[in-house]
Protein backbone atom coordinates (compact mmCIF):
# COMPACT_ATOMS: atom_id res chain seq x y z
CA MET A 1 14.87 -21.28 -6.02
CA LYS A 2 18.38 -19.95 -6.41
CA ILE A 3 19.54 -16.95 -4.40
CA LYS A 4 19.89 -14.74 -7.48
CA ASP A 5 16.34 -15.62 -8.53
CA LEU A 6 15.11 -14.79 -5.04
CA LEU A 7 16.79 -11.37 -5.13
CA LYS A 8 15.54 -10.65 -8.65
CA ASN A 9 11.99 -11.51 -7.56
CA ILE A 10 12.29 -9.21 -4.55
CA ILE A 11 13.60 -6.41 -6.79
CA HIS A 12 10.65 -6.95 -9.12
CA GLN A 13 8.17 -6.77 -6.22
CA GLU A 14 9.75 -3.62 -4.83
CA ASN A 15 9.63 -2.06 -8.29
CA GLU A 16 5.96 -2.99 -8.65
CA LEU A 17 5.19 -1.25 -5.36
CA TYR A 18 7.21 1.78 -6.45
CA ASN A 19 5.17 1.96 -9.68
CA LEU A 20 1.94 1.55 -7.72
CA TYR A 21 2.85 4.46 -5.46
CA LYS A 22 3.80 6.65 -8.42
CA LEU A 23 0.36 5.90 -9.86
CA GLY A 24 -1.11 6.75 -6.46
CA GLU A 25 0.72 10.06 -6.62
CA THR A 26 -0.90 10.75 -9.99
CA PHE A 27 -4.38 9.77 -8.76
CA ALA A 28 -3.94 11.90 -5.65
CA THR A 29 -2.84 14.91 -7.68
CA TYR A 30 -6.29 15.02 -9.27
CA GLU A 31 -8.51 13.44 -6.62
CA ASN A 32 -7.00 14.34 -3.24
CA PRO A 33 -3.90 16.56 -3.41
CA SER A 34 -3.32 16.32 0.35
CA LEU A 35 -2.23 12.70 -0.21
CA VAL A 36 0.48 13.40 -2.81
CA ASP A 37 3.27 13.70 -0.22
CA HIS A 38 2.29 10.35 1.30
CA PHE A 39 2.60 8.58 -2.03
CA GLN A 40 5.87 10.31 -2.82
CA TRP A 41 7.29 9.14 0.52
CA LEU A 42 6.06 5.57 -0.02
CA ALA A 43 7.56 5.50 -3.53
CA SER A 44 10.92 6.73 -2.22
CA GLU A 45 10.89 4.02 0.46
CA GLU A 46 10.28 1.28 -2.10
CA LEU A 47 13.00 2.69 -4.33
CA ARG A 48 15.43 2.58 -1.39
CA HIS A 49 14.45 -1.04 -0.68
CA ARG A 50 15.00 -1.93 -4.32
CA HIS A 51 18.45 -0.35 -4.28
CA THR A 52 19.33 -2.24 -1.09
CA ILE A 53 18.40 -5.58 -2.66
CA GLU A 54 20.19 -4.66 -5.90
CA ARG A 55 23.37 -4.13 -3.86
CA PHE A 56 22.88 -7.61 -2.35
CA LEU A 57 22.58 -9.03 -5.85
CA GLU A 58 25.58 -7.15 -7.24
CA GLY A 59 27.79 -7.90 -4.26
CA ASN A 60 26.75 -11.53 -3.80
CA ALA A 61 26.03 -10.62 -0.16
CA LEU A 62 23.90 -13.71 0.47
CA GLU A 63 26.09 -16.29 -1.26
CA ARG A 64 27.64 -17.61 1.95
CA THR A 65 24.67 -17.47 4.28
CA ALA A 66 22.43 -20.16 5.69
CA ILE A 67 19.65 -19.00 3.41
CA ILE A 68 21.10 -21.10 0.59
CA ASP A 69 20.32 -24.30 2.49
CA TYR A 70 16.72 -23.30 3.14
CA LEU A 71 15.54 -21.73 -0.11
CA ASP A 72 13.71 -24.79 -1.34
CA VAL A 73 11.82 -25.36 1.92
CA LEU A 74 10.94 -21.73 2.64
CA SER A 75 7.86 -21.72 0.43
CA LEU A 76 8.58 -18.19 -0.75
CA GLU A 77 6.71 -18.50 -4.03
CA PRO A 78 3.39 -17.18 -2.65
CA TYR A 79 5.05 -13.84 -1.99
CA PHE A 80 5.90 -13.50 -5.67
CA GLN A 81 2.52 -14.32 -7.19
CA ASP A 82 1.16 -10.79 -7.14
CA THR A 83 0.34 -9.86 -10.71
CA ARG A 84 0.67 -6.36 -12.12
CA ALA A 85 -1.84 -4.11 -10.40
CA GLU A 86 -4.11 -2.02 -12.57
CA PRO A 87 -6.32 -0.19 -10.09
CA LYS A 88 -9.05 2.01 -11.51
CA THR A 89 -9.53 4.10 -8.36
CA LEU A 90 -7.38 5.47 -5.57
CA GLU A 91 -9.28 3.29 -3.11
CA ASN A 92 -8.49 0.13 -5.10
CA LEU A 93 -4.86 1.20 -5.34
CA VAL A 94 -4.56 1.56 -1.56
CA LEU A 95 -6.19 -1.83 -0.97
CA GLU A 96 -3.84 -3.49 -3.47
CA ALA A 97 -0.85 -1.79 -1.87
CA LEU A 98 -1.91 -3.01 1.59
CA ILE A 99 -1.88 -6.61 0.36
CA ARG A 100 1.53 -6.19 -1.23
CA GLU A 101 2.97 -4.52 1.85
CA LYS A 102 1.74 -7.43 3.95
CA HIS A 103 3.46 -9.87 1.59
CA SER A 104 6.68 -7.85 1.73
CA TYR A 105 6.54 -7.73 5.52
CA GLU A 106 6.08 -11.50 5.75
CA LEU A 107 8.90 -12.15 3.29
CA TYR A 108 11.42 -9.89 5.04
CA LYS A 109 10.38 -11.26 8.42
CA LYS A 110 10.96 -14.82 7.22
CA LEU A 111 14.35 -13.91 5.75
CA SER A 112 15.39 -12.13 8.96
CA GLU A 113 14.74 -15.33 10.89
CA ILE A 114 17.15 -17.30 8.69
CA VAL A 115 20.16 -15.10 8.10
CA GLU A 116 22.57 -13.86 10.74
CA GLY A 117 24.52 -10.74 11.60
CA GLY A 118 24.14 -7.55 9.62
CA LEU A 119 21.86 -9.13 7.04
CA ARG A 120 19.44 -10.14 9.79
CA ASP A 121 19.38 -6.54 10.98
CA ILE A 122 18.74 -5.24 7.46
CA PHE A 123 15.87 -7.66 6.82
CA GLN A 124 14.39 -6.92 10.26
CA MET A 125 14.58 -3.20 9.52
CA MET A 126 12.96 -3.69 6.12
CA SER A 127 10.16 -5.80 7.62
CA GLN A 128 9.46 -3.06 10.17
CA GLU A 129 9.45 -0.45 7.41
CA GLU A 130 6.87 -2.50 5.51
CA LEU A 131 4.69 -2.41 8.63
CA ARG A 132 5.00 1.38 8.72
CA HIS A 133 4.02 1.52 5.06
CA GLY A 134 0.90 -0.50 5.85
CA TYR A 135 0.06 1.83 8.71
CA ARG A 136 0.47 4.87 6.45
CA LEU A 137 -1.77 3.22 3.85
CA LYS A 138 -4.46 2.68 6.48
CA ILE A 139 -4.31 6.37 7.35
CA ILE A 140 -4.59 7.24 3.66
CA PHE A 141 -7.57 4.90 3.31
CA LEU A 142 -9.36 6.71 6.15
CA LYS A 143 -8.85 10.01 4.33
CA LEU A 144 -10.51 8.77 1.14
């Protein structure tokens, strides 16, 4: 996998989560309005992550990092096999989002262990944010 492909796949995954949370916002509007703010916050977080990765792609930020040497042995493909989610209920949406957040956490954690310096810090921060998203989703699930 080439670095640009990796970044494009991450952008796609972040966009899928953003879309999932916007759908969650719509579901919540009709089914449980107290959850709307949660989904809006989650969507804004995923949008921020997407923009961060887009800046990496545009600026070639990863071109001279150790990640290039490891891409083929990282086994990152499982993180990108999530198909488009089409949940029929808010409960199904939250469960799907939990799986995707776990995948995002694992991916960012793995990347943070490979790169150095500021990029390591960014990937560590993003992995921790994915954990917070999962925690928020668990709280939402308990309110359903």
